[in-house]
Amino acid sequence: MNFSSNEIVAAALIGFDMKTGPFLRNKTNFSKEALNINMDEFAVNFYIAFSGGNQNNKKPRAILYDDFYIVAFPKDLDLYCFFMKPKGIDNNIKHLEKIAGLYAKKIEFQEKGGLDKKMEVLNSNIEKIRETISGLTKILGVYEKRKRITEFFL
């Protein structure tokens, strides 16, 4: 991720109250660009997303949304968040979307049996063709013998 300090549009401090849970303690806008979110409403979501973690205590440091991303740093029970507007990320997202589509097709192909199943069907078809050719050879062989006998007597 390329970072530029001019991408920071706002900062927020989300605190934690033992009775009421996460709440927005402070927010500061650094840019005239407005974020299309209500930070008061999203404070709980951001707090849970960045502070929740899992059994290995892995926590995200950044979350990318369609038109902004958030980088957060927990300290004690507080969460310091920076809201950023990425510049020129649209092409990267479109490229990743194409890759995701290809990956989805690959997984779907594998789940349907993939190449092994296709090879099994192909081998079965080849065996049927061989049997058909063998049968036709026998029929043609009998036909050739009859033709020779008929020609011999005529």
N, C-alpha and C. Protein backbone atom coordinates (compact mmCIF):
# COMPACT_ATOMS: atom_id res chain seq x y z
N MET A 1 0.85 -1.17 0.00
CA MET A 1 0.00 0.00 0.00
C MET A 1 0.90 1.23 0.00
N ASN A 2 0.71 2.08 -0.98
CA ASN A 2 1.44 3.34 -1.01
C ASN A 2 0.70 4.34 -0.14
N PHE A 3 1.46 5.05 0.65
CA PHE A 3 0.85 5.98 1.59
C PHE A 3 1.36 7.38 1.33
N SER A 4 0.43 8.33 1.36
CA SER A 4 0.79 9.72 1.22
C SER A 4 0.01 10.49 2.29
N SER A 5 0.70 11.36 3.01
CA SER A 5 0.04 12.07 4.12
C SER A 5 -1.09 12.98 3.63
N ASN A 6 -1.05 13.38 2.35
CA ASN A 6 -2.14 14.23 1.86
C ASN A 6 -3.42 13.43 1.61
N GLU A 7 -3.38 12.12 1.80
CA GLU A 7 -4.58 11.29 1.68
C GLU A 7 -5.42 11.32 2.96
N ILE A 8 -4.84 11.78 4.07
CA ILE A 8 -5.58 11.80 5.34
C ILE A 8 -6.62 12.91 5.28
N VAL A 9 -7.88 12.54 5.45
CA VAL A 9 -8.95 13.53 5.42
C VAL A 9 -9.58 13.75 6.79
N ALA A 10 -9.43 12.77 7.68
CA ALA A 10 -10.02 12.93 9.02
C ALA A 10 -9.34 11.97 9.99
N ALA A 11 -9.49 12.29 11.27
CA ALA A 11 -9.00 11.41 12.33
C ALA A 11 -10.10 11.30 13.37
N ALA A 12 -10.10 10.18 14.06
CA ALA A 12 -11.10 9.99 15.11
C ALA A 12 -10.48 9.20 16.25
N LEU A 13 -10.97 9.47 17.42
CA LEU A 13 -10.59 8.69 18.59
C LEU A 13 -11.85 8.02 19.10
N ILE A 14 -11.84 6.71 19.07
CA ILE A 14 -12.98 5.94 19.56
C ILE A 14 -12.59 5.40 20.93
N GLY A 15 -13.35 5.79 21.91
CA GLY A 15 -13.09 5.34 23.27
C GLY A 15 -13.99 4.16 23.62
N PHE A 16 -13.78 3.65 24.80
CA PHE A 16 -14.59 2.51 25.25
C PHE A 16 -15.06 2.78 26.68
N ASP A 17 -16.37 2.75 26.86
CA ASP A 17 -16.96 2.92 28.18
C ASP A 17 -17.42 1.54 28.66
N MET A 18 -17.09 1.20 29.88
CA MET A 18 -17.42 -0.14 30.40
C MET A 18 -18.93 -0.39 30.45
N LYS A 19 -19.73 0.66 30.55
CA LYS A 19 -21.19 0.48 30.61
C LYS A 19 -21.85 0.54 29.24
N THR A 20 -21.42 1.47 28.40
CA THR A 20 -22.11 1.67 27.12
C THR A 20 -21.35 1.12 25.92
N GLY A 21 -20.08 0.76 26.09
CA GLY A 21 -19.30 0.22 24.98
C GLY A 21 -18.58 1.31 24.21
N PRO A 22 -18.24 1.04 22.93
CA PRO A 22 -17.48 2.01 22.13
C PRO A 22 -18.30 3.28 21.86
N PHE A 23 -17.59 4.42 21.85
CA PHE A 23 -18.23 5.69 21.53
C PHE A 23 -17.19 6.61 20.89
N LEU A 24 -17.66 7.55 20.10
CA LEU A 24 -16.78 8.49 19.43
C LEU A 24 -16.39 9.59 20.42
N ARG A 25 -15.11 9.61 20.82
CA ARG A 25 -14.63 10.61 21.77
C ARG A 25 -14.28 11.92 21.09
N ASN A 26 -13.71 11.80 19.88
CA ASN A 26 -13.26 13.00 19.19
C ASN A 26 -13.16 12.70 17.70
N LYS A 27 -13.43 13.71 16.89
CA LYS A 27 -13.18 13.58 15.45
C LYS A 27 -12.69 14.92 14.93
N THR A 28 -11.78 14.86 13.98
CA THR A 28 -11.19 16.06 13.39
C THR A 28 -11.12 15.87 11.88
N ASN A 29 -11.61 16.86 11.14
CA ASN A 29 -11.51 16.85 9.68
C ASN A 29 -10.29 17.65 9.27
N PHE A 30 -9.49 17.09 8.36
CA PHE A 30 -8.30 17.77 7.87
C PHE A 30 -8.47 18.27 6.45
N SER A 31 -9.57 17.92 5.85
CA SER A 31 -9.78 18.24 4.45
C SER A 31 -11.20 18.74 4.24
N LYS A 32 -11.40 19.45 3.15
CA LYS A 32 -12.75 19.90 2.82
C LYS A 32 -13.58 18.76 2.24
N GLU A 33 -12.88 17.71 1.78
CA GLU A 33 -13.59 16.55 1.26
C GLU A 33 -14.34 15.87 2.40
N ALA A 34 -15.62 15.69 2.20
CA ALA A 34 -16.41 15.06 3.25
C ALA A 34 -16.45 13.55 3.04
N LEU A 35 -16.39 12.83 4.14
CA LEU A 35 -16.58 11.38 4.07
C LEU A 35 -18.08 11.11 4.09
N ASN A 36 -18.50 10.15 3.32
CA ASN A 36 -19.91 9.81 3.25
C ASN A 36 -20.32 8.83 4.33
N ILE A 37 -19.85 9.07 5.53
CA ILE A 37 -20.22 8.19 6.65
C ILE A 37 -20.54 9.04 7.87
N ASN A 38 -21.36 8.51 8.72
CA ASN A 38 -21.65 9.14 10.00
C ASN A 38 -20.75 8.45 11.03
N MET A 39 -19.69 9.12 11.42
CA MET A 39 -18.71 8.50 12.32
C MET A 39 -19.33 8.12 13.66
N ASP A 40 -20.32 8.89 14.12
CA ASP A 40 -20.98 8.54 15.39
C ASP A 40 -21.64 7.17 15.30
N GLU A 41 -22.30 6.90 14.17
CA GLU A 41 -22.98 5.61 13.99
C GLU A 41 -22.00 4.47 13.75
N PHE A 42 -20.89 4.76 13.07
CA PHE A 42 -19.95 3.71 12.72
C PHE A 42 -18.89 3.45 13.78
N ALA A 43 -18.86 4.22 14.82
CA ALA A 43 -17.83 4.06 15.86
C ALA A 43 -17.80 2.63 16.41
N VAL A 44 -18.96 2.07 16.69
CA VAL A 44 -19.02 0.69 17.22
C VAL A 44 -18.48 -0.30 16.19
N ASN A 45 -18.91 -0.14 14.93
CA ASN A 45 -18.44 -1.05 13.87
C ASN A 45 -16.92 -1.00 13.72
N PHE A 46 -16.37 0.21 13.67
CA PHE A 46 -14.93 0.35 13.52
C PHE A 46 -14.20 -0.24 14.73
N TYR A 47 -14.71 0.03 15.91
CA TYR A 47 -14.06 -0.48 17.12
C TYR A 47 -14.02 -2.01 17.12
N ILE A 48 -15.14 -2.62 16.79
CA ILE A 48 -15.19 -4.09 16.76
C ILE A 48 -14.28 -4.64 15.67
N ALA A 49 -14.31 -4.01 14.49
CA ALA A 49 -13.50 -4.49 13.37
C ALA A 49 -12.01 -4.45 13.68
N PHE A 50 -11.57 -3.38 14.32
CA PHE A 50 -10.13 -3.23 14.57
C PHE A 50 -9.67 -3.80 15.90
N SER A 51 -10.55 -3.97 16.84
CA SER A 51 -10.13 -4.44 18.16
C SER A 51 -10.52 -5.88 18.44
N GLY A 52 -11.40 -6.43 17.62
CA GLY A 52 -11.92 -7.78 17.88
C GLY A 52 -10.85 -8.84 17.81
N GLY A 53 -10.19 -8.95 16.69
CA GLY A 53 -9.16 -9.97 16.53
C GLY A 53 -9.75 -11.37 16.60
N ASN A 54 -8.88 -12.37 16.52
CA ASN A 54 -9.32 -13.75 16.65
C ASN A 54 -8.44 -14.45 17.68
N GLN A 55 -8.49 -15.76 17.72
CA GLN A 55 -7.77 -16.49 18.75
C GLN A 55 -6.26 -16.29 18.68
N ASN A 56 -5.73 -15.97 17.52
CA ASN A 56 -4.29 -15.72 17.38
C ASN A 56 -3.95 -14.25 17.60
N ASN A 57 -4.97 -13.48 18.02
CA ASN A 57 -4.80 -12.06 18.28
C ASN A 57 -4.37 -11.29 17.03
N LYS A 58 -4.82 -11.73 15.86
CA LYS A 58 -4.55 -11.03 14.61
C LYS A 58 -5.62 -9.96 14.43
N LYS A 59 -5.17 -8.74 14.22
CA LYS A 59 -6.09 -7.63 14.06
C LYS A 59 -5.74 -6.87 12.80
N PRO A 60 -6.75 -6.38 12.09
CA PRO A 60 -6.43 -5.60 10.88
C PRO A 60 -5.83 -4.24 11.27
N ARG A 61 -5.02 -3.71 10.41
CA ARG A 61 -4.45 -2.38 10.59
C ARG A 61 -5.14 -1.38 9.68
N ALA A 62 -5.71 -1.89 8.56
CA ALA A 62 -6.40 -1.02 7.61
C ALA A 62 -7.56 -1.79 6.98
N ILE A 63 -8.62 -1.06 6.69
CA ILE A 63 -9.76 -1.62 5.98
C ILE A 63 -10.09 -0.68 4.84
N LEU A 64 -10.19 -1.23 3.63
CA LEU A 64 -10.44 -0.44 2.43
C LEU A 64 -11.92 -0.54 2.05
N TYR A 65 -12.56 0.59 1.93
CA TYR A 65 -13.94 0.68 1.45
C TYR A 65 -13.90 1.20 0.02
N ASP A 66 -15.05 1.36 -0.61
CA ASP A 66 -15.08 1.80 -2.00
C ASP A 66 -14.42 3.16 -2.22
N ASP A 67 -14.68 4.12 -1.35
CA ASP A 67 -14.15 5.46 -1.59
C ASP A 67 -13.27 6.01 -0.47
N PHE A 68 -12.94 5.19 0.50
CA PHE A 68 -12.02 5.61 1.55
C PHE A 68 -11.45 4.37 2.24
N TYR A 69 -10.42 4.58 3.02
CA TYR A 69 -9.92 3.50 3.86
C TYR A 69 -9.57 4.04 5.23
N ILE A 70 -9.50 3.13 6.18
CA ILE A 70 -9.26 3.49 7.57
C ILE A 70 -8.02 2.74 8.04
N VAL A 71 -7.14 3.46 8.68
CA VAL A 71 -5.98 2.85 9.33
C VAL A 71 -6.17 3.13 10.82
N ALA A 72 -6.03 2.09 11.64
CA ALA A 72 -6.32 2.26 13.06
C ALA A 72 -5.19 1.70 13.92
N PHE A 73 -5.05 2.31 15.09
CA PHE A 73 -4.03 1.91 16.05
C PHE A 73 -4.67 1.82 17.43
N PRO A 74 -4.77 0.61 17.98
CA PRO A 74 -5.35 0.49 19.32
C PRO A 74 -4.32 0.88 20.39
N LYS A 75 -4.81 1.51 21.43
CA LYS A 75 -3.97 1.83 22.59
C LYS A 75 -4.85 1.70 23.82
N ASP A 76 -4.52 0.72 24.65
CA ASP A 76 -5.36 0.37 25.79
C ASP A 76 -6.77 0.06 25.29
N LEU A 77 -7.76 0.77 25.77
CA LEU A 77 -9.13 0.53 25.29
C LEU A 77 -9.55 1.51 24.20
N ASP A 78 -8.67 2.43 23.85
CA ASP A 78 -8.99 3.41 22.81
C ASP A 78 -8.52 2.93 21.44
N LEU A 79 -9.11 3.54 20.43
CA LEU A 79 -8.74 3.21 19.05
C LEU A 79 -8.56 4.52 18.29
N TYR A 80 -7.35 4.75 17.79
CA TYR A 80 -7.04 5.94 17.00
C TYR A 80 -7.20 5.59 15.53
N CYS A 81 -8.08 6.31 14.85
CA CYS A 81 -8.39 6.01 13.45
C CYS A 81 -8.03 7.18 12.55
N PHE A 82 -7.47 6.86 11.38
CA PHE A 82 -7.23 7.84 10.33
C PHE A 82 -8.06 7.44 9.13
N PHE A 83 -8.87 8.37 8.66
CA PHE A 83 -9.71 8.14 7.50
C PHE A 83 -9.00 8.76 6.30
N MET A 84 -8.84 7.97 5.27
CA MET A 84 -8.02 8.41 4.14
C MET A 84 -8.75 8.20 2.83
N LYS A 85 -8.48 9.09 1.88
CA LYS A 85 -9.01 8.98 0.53
C LYS A 85 -7.85 8.57 -0.37
N PRO A 86 -7.85 7.35 -0.87
CA PRO A 86 -6.75 6.92 -1.73
C PRO A 86 -6.80 7.60 -3.09
N LYS A 87 -5.66 7.88 -3.62
CA LYS A 87 -5.56 8.49 -4.94
C LYS A 87 -5.18 7.42 -5.96
N GLY A 88 -5.95 7.33 -7.04
CA GLY A 88 -5.62 6.44 -8.14
C GLY A 88 -5.71 4.96 -7.83
N ILE A 89 -6.56 4.58 -6.91
CA ILE A 89 -6.65 3.17 -6.56
C ILE A 89 -7.68 2.41 -7.41
N ASP A 90 -8.50 3.14 -8.16
CA ASP A 90 -9.57 2.53 -8.95
C ASP A 90 -9.04 1.46 -9.91
N ASN A 91 -7.94 1.76 -10.60
CA ASN A 91 -7.38 0.78 -11.55
C ASN A 91 -6.91 -0.48 -10.84
N ASN A 92 -6.30 -0.31 -9.67
CA ASN A 92 -5.85 -1.48 -8.91
C ASN A 92 -7.04 -2.33 -8.47
N ILE A 93 -8.11 -1.68 -8.02
CA ILE A 93 -9.29 -2.41 -7.58
C ILE A 93 -9.93 -3.15 -8.76
N LYS A 94 -10.02 -2.50 -9.91
CA LYS A 94 -10.58 -3.15 -11.11
C LYS A 94 -9.74 -4.35 -11.51
N HIS A 95 -8.43 -4.19 -11.45
CA HIS A 95 -7.53 -5.30 -11.79
C HIS A 95 -7.71 -6.47 -10.82
N LEU A 96 -7.80 -6.15 -9.54
CA LEU A 96 -8.02 -7.20 -8.53
C LEU A 96 -9.38 -7.86 -8.72
N GLU A 97 -10.37 -7.11 -9.16
CA GLU A 97 -11.70 -7.68 -9.41
C GLU A 97 -11.65 -8.70 -10.55
N LYS A 98 -10.87 -8.39 -11.59
CA LYS A 98 -10.69 -9.34 -12.69
C LYS A 98 -10.00 -10.62 -12.20
N ILE A 99 -8.98 -10.44 -11.38
CA ILE A 99 -8.27 -11.59 -10.83
C ILE A 99 -9.22 -12.43 -9.97
N ALA A 100 -10.06 -11.76 -9.18
CA ALA A 100 -11.03 -12.49 -8.35
C ALA A 100 -11.99 -13.29 -9.22
N GLY A 101 -12.41 -12.72 -10.34
CA GLY A 101 -13.30 -13.44 -11.26
C GLY A 101 -12.63 -14.68 -11.83
N LEU A 102 -11.37 -14.55 -12.22
CA LEU A 102 -10.64 -15.71 -12.74
C LEU A 102 -10.45 -16.77 -11.66
N TYR A 103 -10.16 -16.32 -10.46
CA TYR A 103 -9.98 -17.25 -9.35
C TYR A 103 -11.28 -18.00 -9.06
N ALA A 104 -12.40 -17.27 -9.10
CA ALA A 104 -13.71 -17.91 -8.87
C ALA A 104 -13.99 -18.97 -9.92
N LYS A 105 -13.66 -18.68 -11.18
CA LYS A 105 -13.87 -19.67 -12.25
C LYS A 105 -12.99 -20.90 -12.02
N LYS A 106 -11.76 -20.68 -11.59
CA LYS A 106 -10.84 -21.79 -11.33
C LYS A 106 -11.39 -22.68 -10.22
N ILE A 107 -11.87 -22.08 -9.14
CA ILE A 107 -12.41 -22.85 -8.02
C ILE A 107 -13.66 -23.61 -8.45
N GLU A 108 -14.52 -22.95 -9.21
CA GLU A 108 -15.74 -23.60 -9.71
C GLU A 108 -15.38 -24.81 -10.58
N PHE A 109 -14.38 -24.64 -11.44
CA PHE A 109 -13.93 -25.73 -12.31
C PHE A 109 -13.41 -26.90 -11.47
N GLN A 110 -12.63 -26.58 -10.43
CA GLN A 110 -12.08 -27.64 -9.58
C GLN A 110 -13.18 -28.34 -8.80
N GLU A 111 -14.17 -27.58 -8.34
CA GLU A 111 -15.26 -28.19 -7.57
C GLU A 111 -16.14 -29.08 -8.43
N LYS A 112 -16.20 -28.81 -9.71
CA LYS A 112 -17.01 -29.64 -10.61
C LYS A 112 -16.23 -30.86 -11.09
N GLY A 113 -15.10 -31.11 -10.56
CA GLY A 113 -14.33 -32.28 -10.94
C GLY A 113 -13.08 -31.92 -11.70
N GLY A 114 -13.05 -30.72 -12.21
CA GLY A 114 -11.86 -30.21 -12.86
C GLY A 114 -11.34 -31.08 -13.98
N LEU A 115 -10.06 -31.07 -14.14
CA LEU A 115 -9.39 -31.75 -15.23
C LEU A 115 -9.50 -33.26 -15.11
N ASP A 116 -9.47 -33.79 -13.89
CA ASP A 116 -9.56 -35.24 -13.71
C ASP A 116 -10.85 -35.78 -14.30
N LYS A 117 -11.96 -35.11 -14.02
CA LYS A 117 -13.25 -35.56 -14.54
C LYS A 117 -13.29 -35.42 -16.06
N LYS A 118 -12.78 -34.32 -16.57
CA LYS A 118 -12.74 -34.10 -18.03
C LYS A 118 -11.91 -35.19 -18.70
N MET A 119 -10.77 -35.55 -18.10
CA MET A 119 -9.93 -36.60 -18.67
C MET A 119 -10.64 -37.95 -18.62
N GLU A 120 -11.37 -38.20 -17.55
CA GLU A 120 -12.11 -39.45 -17.42
C GLU A 120 -13.15 -39.57 -18.54
N VAL A 121 -13.88 -38.49 -18.79
CA VAL A 121 -14.88 -38.48 -19.87
C VAL A 121 -14.20 -38.64 -21.22
N LEU A 122 -13.09 -37.95 -21.41
CA LEU A 122 -12.36 -38.04 -22.66
C LEU A 122 -11.85 -39.46 -22.90
N ASN A 123 -11.27 -40.08 -21.88
CA ASN A 123 -10.80 -41.46 -22.01
C ASN A 123 -11.94 -42.41 -22.31
N SER A 124 -13.08 -42.19 -21.70
CA SER A 124 -14.26 -43.01 -21.96
C SER A 124 -14.70 -42.85 -23.42
N ASN A 125 -14.70 -41.63 -23.91
CA ASN A 125 -15.05 -41.38 -25.31
C ASN A 125 -14.06 -42.03 -26.27
N ILE A 126 -12.78 -41.96 -25.94
CA ILE A 126 -11.76 -42.59 -26.78
C ILE A 126 -11.97 -44.10 -26.84
N GLU A 127 -12.30 -44.70 -25.71
CA GLU A 127 -12.56 -46.15 -25.67
C GLU A 127 -13.77 -46.49 -26.53
N LYS A 128 -14.81 -45.70 -26.48
CA LYS A 128 -16.00 -45.94 -27.30
C LYS A 128 -15.66 -45.82 -28.78
N ILE A 129 -14.83 -44.85 -29.13
CA ILE A 129 -14.41 -44.70 -30.54
C ILE A 129 -13.61 -45.92 -30.99
N ARG A 130 -12.72 -46.41 -30.13
CA ARG A 130 -11.93 -47.60 -30.47
C ARG A 130 -12.85 -48.81 -30.70
N GLU A 131 -13.84 -48.96 -29.83
CA GLU A 131 -14.78 -50.08 -29.98
C GLU A 131 -15.57 -49.95 -31.27
N THR A 132 -15.98 -48.74 -31.61
CA THR A 132 -16.72 -48.50 -32.85
C THR A 132 -15.86 -48.82 -34.06
N ILE A 133 -14.60 -48.38 -34.03
CA ILE A 133 -13.68 -48.65 -35.14
C ILE A 133 -13.46 -50.15 -35.27
N SER A 134 -13.28 -50.83 -34.15
CA SER A 134 -13.08 -52.27 -34.17
C SER A 134 -14.30 -52.97 -34.79
N GLY A 135 -15.49 -52.54 -34.36
CA GLY A 135 -16.71 -53.12 -34.92
C GLY A 135 -16.83 -52.85 -36.40
N LEU A 136 -16.52 -51.63 -36.80
CA LEU A 136 -16.59 -51.29 -38.22
C LEU A 136 -15.56 -52.08 -39.03
N THR A 137 -14.39 -52.29 -38.46
CA THR A 137 -13.36 -53.08 -39.15
C THR A 137 -13.84 -54.50 -39.38
N LYS A 138 -14.48 -55.07 -38.39
CA LYS A 138 -15.01 -56.43 -38.53
C LYS A 138 -16.08 -56.47 -39.61
N ILE A 139 -16.98 -55.49 -39.57
CA ILE A 139 -18.05 -55.44 -40.58
C ILE A 139 -17.46 -55.27 -41.97
N LEU A 140 -16.50 -54.36 -42.11
CA LEU A 140 -15.88 -54.13 -43.41
C LEU A 140 -15.08 -55.35 -43.86
N GLY A 141 -14.47 -56.03 -42.90
CA GLY A 141 -13.72 -57.25 -43.25
C GLY A 141 -14.65 -58.30 -43.82
N VAL A 142 -15.79 -58.50 -43.22
CA VAL A 142 -16.79 -59.46 -43.72
C VAL A 142 -17.29 -59.00 -45.07
N TYR A 143 -17.54 -57.71 -45.21
CA TYR A 143 -18.03 -57.16 -46.46
C TYR A 143 -17.01 -57.40 -47.57
N GLU A 144 -15.71 -57.16 -47.27
CA GLU A 144 -14.66 -57.35 -48.27
C GLU A 144 -14.59 -58.82 -48.69
N LYS A 145 -14.71 -59.75 -47.74
CA LYS A 145 -14.67 -61.18 -48.08
C LYS A 145 -15.85 -61.54 -48.96
N ARG A 146 -17.04 -61.05 -48.64
CA ARG A 146 -18.22 -61.33 -49.46
C ARG A 146 -18.04 -60.76 -50.86
N LYS A 147 -17.48 -59.55 -50.92
CA LYS A 147 -17.29 -58.91 -52.21
C LYS A 147 -16.33 -59.73 -53.08
N ARG A 148 -15.24 -60.24 -52.47
CA ARG A 148 -14.27 -61.03 -53.21
C ARG A 148 -14.90 -62.33 -53.70
N ILE A 149 -15.68 -62.96 -52.85
CA ILE A 149 -16.34 -64.22 -53.24
C ILE A 149 -17.32 -63.97 -54.35
N THR A 150 -18.10 -62.88 -54.23
CA THR A 150 -19.07 -62.55 -55.27
C THR A 150 -18.35 -62.28 -56.58
N GLU A 151 -17.25 -61.53 -56.55
CA GLU A 151 -16.50 -61.22 -57.75
C GLU A 151 -15.90 -62.51 -58.35
N PHE A 152 -15.49 -63.45 -57.51
CA PHE A 152 -14.88 -64.69 -57.98
C PHE A 152 -15.89 -65.52 -58.78
N PHE A 153 -17.12 -65.52 -58.27
CA PHE A 153 -18.11 -66.35 -58.95
C PHE A 153 -18.78 -65.62 -60.11
N LEU A 154 -18.69 -64.35 -60.19
CA LEU A 154 -19.34 -63.64 -61.30
C LEU A 154 -18.39 -63.47 -62.40
